[in-house]
Amino acid sequence: MNILVVRTDKLGDFVTALPAIYVLKKHNPQNRVIVCVAPLNKSLAQSCDFIDEVIVDEGGSFLGFVAKLREAKIDASITLFSNTRVALAQFLAGIPKRIAPATKIAQIFYTNRVVQRRSEVKMAEFEYNLELTRALFSDISLEYKKPLLEFNDAKEIYGVFCANNDITREIIAFHVGFGGSSDANWSLDEYEILIRAVVKEDKYQVVLTFGPDEKKLCEEMQNRLFDVNAVFYLSLEGLVYFAKLISNFKLFISTSTGTYHIASLVGTPTMTFFADNLFASSKRWKSIGDEKLQKHFMIPYDKEKREELFEEVKRELTGLLL
């Protein structure tokens, strides 16, 4: 059976789709699992050995997109997050069985509409995605391996990175950037305090990571931290290289953006900051890795409570350094 899984939104959202994709392949290795993704996630999808084919929706010609789907000869599709474009395209491509959550006007184009009420956040996003696979195979096991993604050459890449940056200790990374679905973060002043606390202990190497579009932010942090022993890494080698690199880090500290999901995907312990509301909470956006390796903090909107939590985070981080 040729099975299409559709998730064409941001990086973190796509990572939450990977357990569902994995269990579909594991349920029957003879299944040909095809994914439809946004351009950003193409290389990551291609690096997963449980994905057989990657279709990229470039957002251009609609009829061209329909033709891609038709050429794949898909027997059934599961759309984890729908919009009118992907829904109508699947309908016009003639996919016989089309499964999706029963939300939005686009649901009229699907043959199987599953009521989930994700806004109630009764489970995490990736768990809702897993549940949708049962609409195709009622007896499917939803168990998946952790970490879900591993690389044979990750240690070699890490070794070269350490040699090039004169690193001889384990790495604690800070990703101070802000994007994706994240709805809360510390200020740069607050991050600077946390970073200096780690540097002061002189036990771990601090690395600050930045996306390819965060050059100005990287330069600002370099100016702020000109007097400390830190490595400033602007990620220009691509998403898969970044995943391989951070899979070797001791700890990855960030807001709940896509890089957090990548870190958890490859088995790196995380310390992550979420907004103090249900929609953006850790209850909804906890990542797919081992929960024992995830440390979550909900940043309050109240100024006094925020300050109290920041002190708690400092204590927690200092405790990890002992």
Protein backbone atom coordinates (compact mmCIF):
# COMPACT_ATOMS: atom_id res chain seq x y z
CA MET A 1 0.00 0.00 0.00
CA ASN A 2 1.21 3.49 -0.88
CA ILE A 3 0.47 5.76 2.09
CA LEU A 4 0.80 9.53 2.00
CA VAL A 5 1.32 11.54 5.20
CA VAL A 6 0.82 15.28 4.84
CA ARG A 7 2.36 17.86 7.17
CA THR A 8 3.35 21.01 5.29
CA ASP A 9 3.85 23.49 8.11
CA LYS A 10 6.90 24.45 10.20
CA LEU A 11 9.89 22.45 11.45
CA GLY A 12 8.63 21.59 14.93
CA ASP A 13 5.23 20.62 13.55
CA PHE A 14 6.86 18.21 11.11
CA VAL A 15 8.93 16.60 13.88
CA THR A 16 5.68 15.90 15.74
CA ALA A 17 4.56 13.95 12.65
CA LEU A 18 7.54 11.59 12.62
CA PRO A 19 6.27 9.07 15.22
CA ALA A 20 3.08 8.61 13.18
CA ILE A 21 5.11 8.11 10.01
CA TYR A 22 7.38 5.62 11.78
CA VAL A 23 4.55 3.44 13.11
CA LEU A 24 2.92 3.30 9.67
CA LYS A 25 6.13 1.88 8.23
CA LYS A 26 6.70 -0.46 11.17
CA HIS A 27 3.12 -1.78 11.01
CA ASN A 28 3.92 -3.27 7.62
CA PRO A 29 7.38 -2.73 6.12
CA GLN A 30 5.87 -3.47 2.71
CA ASN A 31 3.94 -0.21 2.93
CA ARG A 32 5.46 2.54 0.84
CA VAL A 33 5.35 5.62 3.06
CA ILE A 34 5.38 8.94 1.24
CA VAL A 35 5.42 12.31 2.97
CA CYS A 36 4.36 15.70 1.71
CA VAL A 37 6.32 18.49 3.38
CA ALA A 38 7.29 22.14 3.12
CA PRO A 39 10.67 22.88 1.47
CA LEU A 40 12.30 23.55 4.86
CA ASN A 41 11.75 19.96 5.96
CA LYS A 42 12.81 18.16 2.78
CA SER A 43 16.34 17.20 3.88
CA LEU A 44 15.19 16.04 7.31
CA ALA A 45 12.49 13.86 5.75
CA GLN A 46 15.01 12.37 3.34
CA SER A 47 17.30 11.43 6.23
CA CYS A 48 14.63 9.18 7.84
CA ASP A 49 15.00 5.54 6.83
CA PHE A 50 11.29 4.92 7.51
CA ILE A 51 10.28 7.38 4.77
CA ASP A 52 10.37 6.02 1.22
CA GLU A 53 9.58 9.13 -0.80
CA VAL A 54 9.37 12.86 -0.20
CA ILE A 55 7.01 15.17 -2.07
CA VAL A 56 7.67 18.86 -1.52
CA ASP A 57 4.88 21.39 -1.82
CA GLU A 58 6.71 24.47 -3.03
CA GLY A 59 3.54 26.54 -2.82
CA GLY A 60 3.64 27.30 -6.54
CA SER A 61 1.56 25.76 -9.31
CA PHE A 62 -1.50 24.07 -7.83
CA LEU A 63 -2.00 21.81 -10.84
CA GLY A 64 1.66 20.84 -10.69
CA PHE A 65 1.18 19.87 -7.06
CA VAL A 66 -1.86 17.76 -7.98
CA ALA A 67 0.20 16.05 -10.70
CA LYS A 68 2.93 15.13 -8.17
CA LEU A 69 0.36 13.47 -5.94
CA ARG A 70 -1.27 11.64 -8.82
CA GLU A 71 2.07 10.30 -10.06
CA ALA A 72 2.77 8.75 -6.64
CA LYS A 73 -0.23 6.39 -7.09
CA ILE A 74 -1.34 6.84 -3.49
CA ASP A 75 -3.84 4.38 -1.99
CA ALA A 76 -4.54 6.26 1.24
CA SER A 77 -3.52 9.54 2.85
CA ILE A 78 -3.39 10.88 6.38
CA THR A 79 -3.33 14.66 6.63
CA LEU A 80 -2.14 15.67 10.07
CA PHE A 81 -2.72 19.38 9.57
CA SER A 82 -5.00 20.43 6.76
CA ASN A 83 -5.68 23.48 4.66
CA THR A 84 -7.76 23.96 1.54
CA ARG A 85 -4.79 23.61 -0.82
CA VAL A 86 -3.64 20.17 0.37
CA ALA A 87 -7.20 18.94 0.84
CA LEU A 88 -8.40 19.88 -2.64
CA ALA A 89 -5.18 18.64 -4.24
CA GLN A 90 -5.66 15.18 -2.76
CA PHE A 91 -9.29 15.12 -3.92
CA LEU A 92 -8.31 16.07 -7.49
CA ALA A 93 -5.42 13.56 -7.44
CA GLY A 94 -7.99 10.82 -6.93
CA ILE A 95 -6.61 9.37 -3.69
CA PRO A 96 -9.27 6.77 -2.73
CA LYS A 97 -9.04 7.08 1.06
CA ARG A 98 -8.29 10.46 2.58
CA ILE A 99 -8.08 10.78 6.38
CA ALA A 100 -7.88 14.06 8.30
CA PRO A 101 -9.07 15.71 11.52
CA ALA A 102 -12.65 16.97 11.28
CA THR A 103 -11.77 20.66 11.42
CA LYS A 104 -11.97 23.62 9.05
CA ILE A 105 -13.99 23.89 5.85
CA ALA A 106 -11.36 21.77 4.07
CA GLN A 107 -12.69 18.63 5.78
CA ILE A 108 -15.34 18.31 3.04
CA PHE A 109 -12.62 17.01 0.70
CA TYR A 110 -11.75 14.01 2.90
CA THR A 111 -13.41 10.60 2.92
CA ASN A 112 -12.65 9.89 6.58
CA ARG A 113 -12.99 12.76 9.06
CA VAL A 114 -11.79 12.06 12.60
CA VAL A 115 -13.09 14.16 15.49
CA GLN A 116 -10.15 15.05 17.74
CA ARG A 117 -10.81 18.52 19.26
CA ARG A 118 -7.11 19.32 19.53
CA SER A 119 -7.91 22.71 21.06
CA GLU A 120 -8.85 20.90 24.27
CA VAL A 121 -5.22 19.63 24.50
CA LYS A 122 -6.13 16.31 26.04
CA MET A 123 -2.83 15.01 24.68
CA ALA A 124 0.27 16.35 22.95
CA GLU A 125 0.33 17.25 19.26
CA PHE A 126 2.42 14.21 18.33
CA GLU A 127 0.01 11.96 20.23
CA TYR A 128 -2.95 13.31 18.25
CA ASN A 129 -0.94 12.57 15.10
CA LEU A 130 -0.33 9.01 16.24
CA GLU A 131 -4.03 8.53 16.99
CA LEU A 132 -4.93 9.42 13.40
CA THR A 133 -3.05 6.36 12.11
CA ARG A 134 -5.68 4.16 13.77
CA ALA A 135 -8.22 5.46 11.27
CA LEU A 136 -6.23 3.53 8.66
CA PHE A 137 -5.10 0.52 10.72
CA SER A 138 -7.21 -0.11 13.84
CA ASP A 139 -4.67 -2.62 15.20
CA ILE A 140 -1.56 -0.49 14.68
CA SER A 141 0.95 -0.22 17.55
CA LEU A 142 1.70 3.38 18.47
CA GLU A 143 5.04 2.56 20.11
CA TYR A 144 8.15 4.05 18.52
CA LYS A 145 11.85 4.03 19.30
CA LYS A 146 13.60 6.83 21.20
CA PRO A 147 15.59 8.56 19.96
CA LEU A 148 13.69 8.24 16.73
CA LEU A 149 16.50 9.53 14.53
CA GLU A 150 20.16 8.47 14.76
CA PHE A 151 23.10 9.04 12.42
CA ASN A 152 26.16 6.88 11.81
CA ASP A 153 28.44 9.88 11.22
CA ALA A 154 27.20 12.13 14.03
CA LYS A 155 30.20 11.54 16.30
CA GLU A 156 32.59 12.26 13.45
CA ILE A 157 30.88 15.58 12.71
CA TYR A 158 30.92 16.45 16.41
CA GLY A 159 34.62 15.61 16.63
CA VAL A 160 35.48 17.90 13.73
CA PHE A 161 33.38 20.70 15.25
CA CYS A 162 35.17 20.36 18.59
CA ALA A 163 38.59 20.29 16.95
CA ASN A 164 37.82 23.38 14.85
CA ASN A 165 36.61 25.29 17.92
CA ASP A 166 39.20 24.02 20.42
CA ILE A 167 36.50 22.32 22.53
CA THR A 168 37.64 19.73 25.05
CA ARG A 169 34.61 19.58 27.37
CA GLU A 170 31.00 18.54 27.01
CA ILE A 171 28.73 21.16 25.45
CA ILE A 172 25.78 23.00 26.94
CA ALA A 173 24.04 24.87 24.12
CA PHE A 174 21.80 27.92 24.23
CA HIS A 175 19.51 28.75 21.34
CA VAL A 176 18.24 32.23 22.17
CA GLY A 177 16.29 32.71 18.93
CA PHE A 178 12.54 32.92 18.84
CA GLY A 179 10.21 31.61 16.14
CA GLY A 180 7.82 28.93 14.96
CA SER A 181 4.93 28.25 17.32
CA SER A 182 6.77 29.41 20.45
CA ASP A 183 4.90 32.03 22.38
CA ALA A 184 7.26 32.92 25.24
CA ASN A 185 10.96 33.32 25.84
CA TRP A 186 13.49 34.98 28.12
CA SER A 187 14.94 38.32 27.09
CA LEU A 188 18.51 38.51 25.84
CA ASP A 189 19.46 40.12 29.16
CA GLU A 190 18.06 37.11 31.01
CA TYR A 191 19.76 34.66 28.66
CA GLU A 192 23.04 36.48 29.22
CA ILE A 193 22.68 35.93 32.98
CA LEU A 194 22.05 32.21 32.46
CA ILE A 195 24.96 31.85 30.05
CA ARG A 196 27.37 33.63 32.35
CA ALA A 197 26.25 31.36 35.21
CA VAL A 198 27.28 28.30 33.18
CA VAL A 199 30.56 29.85 32.04
CA LYS A 200 31.43 30.80 35.63
CA GLU A 201 31.32 27.17 36.75
CA ASP A 202 34.01 26.38 34.14
CA LYS A 203 32.83 22.78 33.80
CA TYR A 204 31.17 22.75 30.38
CA GLN A 205 31.77 24.47 27.06
CA VAL A 206 29.01 26.93 26.17
CA VAL A 207 27.89 27.02 22.55
CA LEU A 208 25.30 29.48 21.27
CA THR A 209 23.47 28.25 18.17
CA PHE A 210 21.74 30.42 15.58
CA GLY A 211 19.69 29.71 12.49
CA PRO A 212 20.94 30.84 9.06
CA ASP A 213 18.69 33.92 9.21
CA GLU A 214 19.87 34.98 12.67
CA LYS A 215 23.20 36.60 11.77
CA LYS A 216 22.32 39.90 13.46
CA LEU A 217 21.25 38.09 16.61
CA CYS A 218 24.52 36.15 16.60
CA GLU A 219 26.49 39.38 16.30
CA GLU A 220 24.53 40.96 19.16
CA MET A 221 25.25 38.03 21.46
CA GLN A 222 28.92 38.14 20.49
CA ASN A 223 29.01 41.80 21.54
CA ARG A 224 27.26 41.04 24.80
CA LEU A 225 29.52 38.09 25.65
CA PHE A 226 32.81 39.34 24.21
CA ASP A 227 34.59 38.57 27.49
CA VAL A 228 33.49 34.95 27.99
CA ASN A 229 34.66 31.63 26.62
CA ALA A 230 31.76 30.76 24.34
CA VAL A 231 31.43 29.47 20.79
CA PHE A 232 28.96 31.25 18.51
CA TYR A 233 27.69 28.86 15.86
CA LEU A 234 25.70 30.18 12.90
CA SER A 235 24.14 27.12 11.28
CA LEU A 236 24.80 27.35 7.55
CA GLU A 237 25.42 23.66 6.73
CA GLY A 238 21.79 22.63 6.69
CA LEU A 239 19.24 21.10 9.02
CA VAL A 240 20.54 17.52 8.95
CA TYR A 241 24.09 18.61 9.78
CA PHE A 242 22.68 20.63 12.68
CA ALA A 243 20.74 17.60 13.94
CA LYS A 244 23.86 15.44 13.77
CA LEU A 245 25.91 18.04 15.63
CA ILE A 246 23.53 18.69 18.51
CA SER A 247 22.86 14.97 19.02
CA ASN A 248 26.18 14.95 20.88
CA PHE A 249 25.46 17.92 23.17
CA LYS A 250 25.08 17.51 26.92
CA LEU A 251 22.08 19.87 27.11
CA PHE A 252 20.11 22.07 24.72
CA ILE A 253 18.44 25.17 26.23
CA SER A 254 15.86 27.14 24.24
CA THR A 255 12.29 28.28 23.89
CA SER A 256 9.83 25.78 22.39
CA THR A 257 10.87 26.39 18.82
CA GLY A 258 11.78 23.93 16.06
CA THR A 259 15.35 23.45 17.25
CA TYR A 260 14.04 22.13 20.58
CA HIS A 261 12.07 19.48 18.71
CA ILE A 262 15.16 18.55 16.69
CA ALA A 263 17.23 18.19 19.86
CA SER A 264 14.66 15.87 21.42
CA LEU A 265 14.26 13.95 18.15
CA VAL A 266 17.96 12.98 18.23
CA GLY A 267 18.03 12.19 21.96
CA THR A 268 19.64 15.32 23.41
CA PRO A 269 18.46 16.40 26.91
CA THR A 270 16.52 19.66 26.76
CA MET A 271 15.60 22.57 29.02
CA THR A 272 12.73 24.39 27.35
CA PHE A 273 10.58 27.45 27.96
CA PHE A 274 6.87 27.63 27.13
CA ALA A 275 4.11 30.21 27.45
CA ASP A 276 1.82 29.87 30.42
CA ASN A 277 -1.29 29.08 28.41
CA LEU A 278 -2.79 25.81 27.24
CA PHE A 279 -2.40 26.47 23.50
CA ALA A 280 1.38 27.02 23.70
CA SER A 281 2.06 24.85 26.75
CA SER A 282 4.35 21.88 27.22
CA LYS A 283 1.23 19.75 27.57
CA ARG A 284 0.55 20.40 23.90
CA TRP A 285 4.08 20.86 22.56
CA LYS A 286 6.23 18.45 24.55
CA SER A 287 8.53 16.81 22.08
CA ILE A 288 8.71 13.24 20.88
CA GLY A 289 11.86 12.19 22.77
CA ASP A 290 12.22 10.49 26.13
CA GLU A 291 10.23 12.57 28.64
CA LYS A 292 12.88 11.93 31.31
CA LEU A 293 15.28 13.99 29.18
CA GLN A 294 12.91 16.96 28.89
CA LYS A 295 12.77 19.74 31.48
CA HIS A 296 9.89 22.18 30.89
CA PHE A 297 9.22 25.65 32.33
CA MET A 298 6.07 27.71 31.75
CA ILE A 299 6.92 31.43 31.69
CA PRO A 300 4.18 33.44 33.46
CA TYR A 301 2.81 36.69 32.06
CA ASP A 302 2.83 38.26 35.51
CA LYS A 303 6.11 40.16 36.03
CA GLU A 304 6.64 39.11 39.64
CA LYS A 305 5.92 35.46 38.93
CA ARG A 306 8.19 35.62 35.89
CA GLU A 307 11.04 36.88 38.07
CA GLU A 308 10.43 34.08 40.56
CA LEU A 309 10.53 31.47 37.81
CA PHE A 310 13.73 32.92 36.39
CA GLU A 311 15.40 32.47 39.78
CA GLU A 312 14.12 28.87 39.82
CA VAL A 313 15.59 28.27 36.35
CA LYS A 314 18.95 29.65 37.54
CA ARG A 315 18.89 27.31 40.54
CA GLU A 316 17.92 24.37 38.35
CA LEU A 317 20.68 25.11 35.88
CA THR A 318 23.26 25.57 38.63
CA GLY A 319 22.18 22.22 40.12
CA LEU A 320 22.77 20.52 36.77
CA LEU A 321 26.31 21.91 36.72
CA LEU A 322 27.30 20.32 40.02
